[in-house]
Amino acid sequence: MTLSPLNHLTPAEKRVVLLLLEGLENRAIAHRLVISHRTVECHISRALSKSGCRNRLELALWLIRNGDPALDRQRREGTMPPMPA
Protein backbone atom coordinates (compact mmCIF):
# COMPACT_ATOMS: atom_id res chain seq x y z
CA MET A 1 0.00 0.00 0.00
CA THR A 2 1.44 3.37 -1.04
CA LEU A 3 1.01 6.27 1.32
CA SER A 4 -0.37 9.53 -0.01
CA PRO A 5 2.18 12.36 -0.26
CA LEU A 6 -0.22 14.32 1.94
CA ASN A 7 0.64 11.97 4.80
CA HIS A 8 3.93 13.85 5.10
CA LEU A 9 2.05 17.06 5.92
CA THR A 10 0.71 17.98 9.33
CA PRO A 11 -3.09 18.31 9.70
CA ALA A 12 -2.74 22.11 9.71
CA GLU A 13 -0.58 22.05 6.57
CA LYS A 14 -3.16 19.80 4.87
CA ARG A 15 -5.99 22.23 5.64
CA VAL A 16 -3.98 25.15 4.28
CA VAL A 17 -2.88 23.44 1.07
CA LEU A 18 -6.38 22.13 0.36
CA LEU A 19 -7.69 25.70 0.60
CA LEU A 20 -4.81 26.80 -1.59
CA LEU A 21 -6.02 24.22 -4.09
CA GLU A 22 -9.40 25.93 -4.09
CA GLY A 23 -7.63 29.06 -5.31
CA LEU A 24 -7.70 31.05 -2.08
CA GLU A 25 -4.96 33.55 -1.39
CA ASN A 26 -3.05 33.50 1.89
CA ARG A 27 -5.16 36.17 3.58
CA ALA A 28 -8.39 34.40 2.61
CA ILE A 29 -7.00 31.10 3.93
CA ALA A 30 -6.02 32.82 7.17
CA HIS A 31 -9.49 34.33 7.50
CA ARG A 32 -11.20 31.00 6.77
CA LEU A 33 -9.09 29.07 9.30
CA VAL A 34 -8.93 31.91 11.84
CA ILE A 35 -5.15 31.89 11.91
CA SER A 36 -2.61 34.58 11.09
CA HIS A 37 -1.43 35.37 7.58
CA ARG A 38 2.12 34.56 8.73
CA THR A 39 1.03 31.12 9.96
CA VAL A 40 -0.45 30.39 6.52
CA GLU A 41 2.84 31.45 4.92
CA CYS A 42 4.75 29.09 7.24
CA HIS A 43 2.44 26.15 6.49
CA ILE A 44 2.75 26.74 2.74
CA SER A 45 6.52 27.10 3.01
CA ARG A 46 6.80 23.78 4.87
CA ALA A 47 4.45 22.07 2.39
CA LEU A 48 6.57 23.37 -0.49
CA SER A 49 9.70 22.02 1.17
CA LYS A 50 8.18 18.62 1.93
CA SER A 51 6.72 18.24 -1.56
CA GLY A 52 9.81 19.47 -3.40
CA CYS A 53 7.71 22.09 -5.19
CA ARG A 54 9.07 25.55 -5.97
CA ASN A 55 5.86 27.62 -5.90
CA ARG A 56 2.12 27.57 -5.20
CA LEU A 57 1.25 26.50 -8.73
CA GLU A 58 3.57 23.51 -8.59
CA LEU A 59 2.16 22.65 -5.17
CA ALA A 60 -1.40 22.79 -6.48
CA LEU A 61 -0.48 20.54 -9.42
CA TRP A 62 1.33 18.17 -7.06
CA LEU A 63 -1.82 17.95 -4.93
CA ILE A 64 -4.01 17.29 -7.94
CA ARG A 65 -1.71 14.51 -9.13
CA ASN A 66 -0.90 12.97 -5.76
CA GLY A 67 -3.61 14.09 -3.37
CA ASP A 68 -5.39 11.93 -0.87
CA PRO A 69 -8.86 11.01 -2.22
CA ALA A 70 -10.31 10.77 1.31
CA LEU A 71 -9.18 14.30 2.17
CA ASP A 72 -10.45 15.60 -1.16
CA ARG A 73 -13.84 14.01 -0.49
CA GLN A 74 -13.92 15.56 3.00
CA ARG A 75 -13.10 18.98 1.51
CA ARG A 76 -15.85 18.70 -1.12
CA GLU A 77 -18.40 17.52 1.43
CA GLY A 78 -17.40 20.15 3.98
CA THR A 79 -16.65 17.50 6.61
CA MET A 80 -12.98 18.29 7.28
CA PRO A 81 -12.24 18.29 11.00
CA PRO A 82 -11.89 21.75 12.56
CA MET A 83 -8.52 23.28 13.34
CA PRO A 84 -7.34 22.41 16.84
CA ALA A 85 -7.72 25.20 19.39
C-alpha atoms as a PDB file:
ATOM      1  CA  MET A   1       0.000   0.000   0.000  1.00  0.00           C
ATOM      2  CA  THR A   2       1.440   3.365  -1.037  1.00  0.00           C
ATOM      3  CA  LEU A   3       1.014   6.270   1.319  1.00  0.00           C
ATOM      4  CA  SER A   4      -0.367   9.534  -0.007  1.00  0.00           C
ATOM      5  CA  PRO A   5       2.175  12.357  -0.257  1.00  0.00           C
ATOM      6  CA  LEU A   6      -0.220  14.320   1.943  1.00  0.00           C
ATOM      7  CA  ASN A   7       0.641  11.969   4.805  1.00  0.00           C
ATOM      8  CA  HIS A   8       3.934  13.847   5.103  1.00  0.00           C
ATOM      9  CA  LEU A   9       2.047  17.056   5.922  1.00  0.00           C
ATOM     10  CA  THR A  10       0.710  17.979   9.335  1.00  0.00           C
ATOM     11  CA  PRO A  11      -3.090  18.313   9.700  1.00  0.00           C
ATOM     12  CA  ALA A  12      -2.741  22.111   9.705  1.00  0.00           C
ATOM     13  CA  GLU A  13      -0.585  22.055   6.567  1.00  0.00           C
ATOM     14  CA  LYS A  14      -3.163  19.797   4.870  1.00  0.00           C
ATOM     15  CA  ARG A  15      -5.987  22.230   5.637  1.00  0.00           C
ATOM     16  CA  VAL A  16      -3.983  25.152   4.281  1.00  0.00           C
ATOM     17  CA  VAL A  17      -2.877  23.439   1.073  1.00  0.00           C
ATOM     18  CA  LEU A  18      -6.376  22.129   0.357  1.00  0.00           C
ATOM     19  CA  LEU A  19      -7.690  25.697   0.601  1.00  0.00           C
ATOM     20  CA  LEU A  20      -4.810  26.804  -1.593  1.00  0.00           C
ATOM     21  CA  LEU A  21      -6.017  24.215  -4.092  1.00  0.00           C
ATOM     22  CA  GLU A  22      -9.404  25.934  -4.088  1.00  0.00           C
ATOM     23  CA  GLY A  23      -7.629  29.059  -5.307  1.00  0.00           C
ATOM     24  CA  LEU A  24      -7.705  31.045  -2.083  1.00  0.00           C
ATOM     25  CA  GLU A  25      -4.956  33.547  -1.391  1.00  0.00           C
ATOM     26  CA  ASN A  26      -3.049  33.503   1.892  1.00  0.00           C
ATOM     27  CA  ARG A  27      -5.162  36.168   3.583  1.00  0.00           C
ATOM     28  CA  ALA A  28      -8.391  34.397   2.612  1.00  0.00           C
ATOM     29  CA  ILE A  29      -7.003  31.104   3.928  1.00  0.00           C
ATOM     30  CA  ALA A  30      -6.019  32.818   7.174  1.00  0.00           C
ATOM     31  CA  HIS A  31      -9.489  34.326   7.501  1.00  0.00           C
ATOM     32  CA  ARG A  32     -11.203  31.005   6.772  1.00  0.00           C
ATOM     33  CA  LEU A  33      -9.087  29.073   9.298  1.00  0.00           C
ATOM     34  CA  VAL A  34      -8.934  31.909  11.843  1.00  0.00           C
ATOM     35  CA  ILE A  35      -5.152  31.895  11.908  1.00  0.00           C
ATOM     36  CA  SER A  36      -2.606  34.576  11.093  1.00  0.00           C
ATOM     37  CA  HIS A  37      -1.432  35.373   7.583  1.00  0.00           C
ATOM     38  CA  ARG A  38       2.117  34.557   8.727  1.00  0.00           C
ATOM     39  CA  THR A  39       1.026  31.119   9.959  1.00  0.00           C
ATOM     40  CA  VAL A  40      -0.447  30.392   6.525  1.00  0.00           C
ATOM     41  CA  GLU A  41       2.842  31.446   4.923  1.00  0.00           C
ATOM     42  CA  CYS A  42       4.747  29.090   7.240  1.00  0.00           C
ATOM     43  CA  HIS A  43       2.437  26.147   6.486  1.00  0.00           C
ATOM     44  CA  ILE A  44       2.750  26.741   2.743  1.00  0.00           C
ATOM     45  CA  SER A  45       6.519  27.098   3.010  1.00  0.00           C
ATOM     46  CA  ARG A  46       6.803  23.778   4.871  1.00  0.00           C
ATOM     47  CA  ALA A  47       4.454  22.073   2.393  1.00  0.00           C
ATOM     48  CA  LEU A  48       6.575  23.373  -0.487  1.00  0.00           C
ATOM     49  CA  SER A  49       9.704  22.024   1.169  1.00  0.00           C
ATOM     50  CA  LYS A  50       8.179  18.623   1.931  1.00  0.00           C
ATOM     51  CA  SER A  51       6.724  18.237  -1.564  1.00  0.00           C
ATOM     52  CA  GLY A  52       9.810  19.471  -3.398  1.00  0.00           C
ATOM     53  CA  CYS A  53       7.709  22.091  -5.193  1.00  0.00           C
ATOM     54  CA  ARG A  54       9.069  25.555  -5.966  1.00  0.00           C
ATOM     55  CA  ASN A  55       5.864  27.616  -5.896  1.00  0.00           C
ATOM     56  CA  ARG A  56       2.123  27.567  -5.201  1.00  0.00           C
ATOM     57  CA  LEU A  57       1.253  26.503  -8.730  1.00  0.00           C
ATOM     58  CA  GLU A  58       3.574  23.505  -8.591  1.00  0.00           C
ATOM     59  CA  LEU A  59       2.162  22.651  -5.168  1.00  0.00           C
ATOM     60  CA  ALA A  60      -1.398  22.787  -6.480  1.00  0.00           C
ATOM     61  CA  LEU A  61      -0.479  20.542  -9.419  1.00  0.00           C
ATOM     62  CA  TRP A  62       1.328  18.169  -7.056  1.00  0.00           C
ATOM     63  CA  LEU A  63      -1.816  17.952  -4.925  1.00  0.00           C
ATOM     64  CA  ILE A  64      -4.010  17.287  -7.939  1.00  0.00           C
ATOM     65  CA  ARG A  65      -1.709  14.508  -9.131  1.00  0.00           C
ATOM     66  CA  ASN A  66      -0.901  12.966  -5.759  1.00  0.00           C
ATOM     67  CA  GLY A  67      -3.607  14.090  -3.374  1.00  0.00           C
ATOM     68  CA  ASP A  68      -5.386  11.930  -0.868  1.00  0.00           C
ATOM     69  CA  PRO A  69      -8.856  11.009  -2.217  1.00  0.00           C
ATOM     70  CA  ALA A  70     -10.315  10.773   1.306  1.00  0.00           C
ATOM     71  CA  LEU A  71      -9.184  14.304   2.173  1.00  0.00           C
ATOM     72  CA  ASP A  72     -10.449  15.597  -1.156  1.00  0.00           C
ATOM     73  CA  ARG A  73     -13.841  14.010  -0.488  1.00  0.00           C
ATOM     74  CA  GLN A  74     -13.921  15.563   2.998  1.00  0.00           C
ATOM     75  CA  ARG A  75     -13.095  18.977   1.507  1.00  0.00           C
ATOM     76  CA  ARG A  76     -15.848  18.703  -1.116  1.00  0.00           C
ATOM     77  CA  GLU A  77     -18.397  17.519   1.434  1.00  0.00           C
ATOM     78  CA  GLY A  78     -17.402  20.149   3.983  1.00  0.00           C
ATOM     79  CA  THR A  79     -16.649  17.501   6.608  1.00  0.00           C
ATOM     80  CA  MET A  80     -12.984  18.293   7.280  1.00  0.00           C
ATOM     81  CA  PRO A  81     -12.238  18.290  11.000  1.00  0.00           C
ATOM     82  CA  PRO A  82     -11.894  21.746  12.557  1.00  0.00           C
ATOM     83  CA  MET A  83      -8.515  23.283  13.339  1.00  0.00           C
ATOM     84  CA  PRO A  84      -7.343  22.410  16.837  1.00  0.00           C
ATOM     85  CA  ALA A  85      -7.718  25.200  19.392  1.00  0.00           C
END
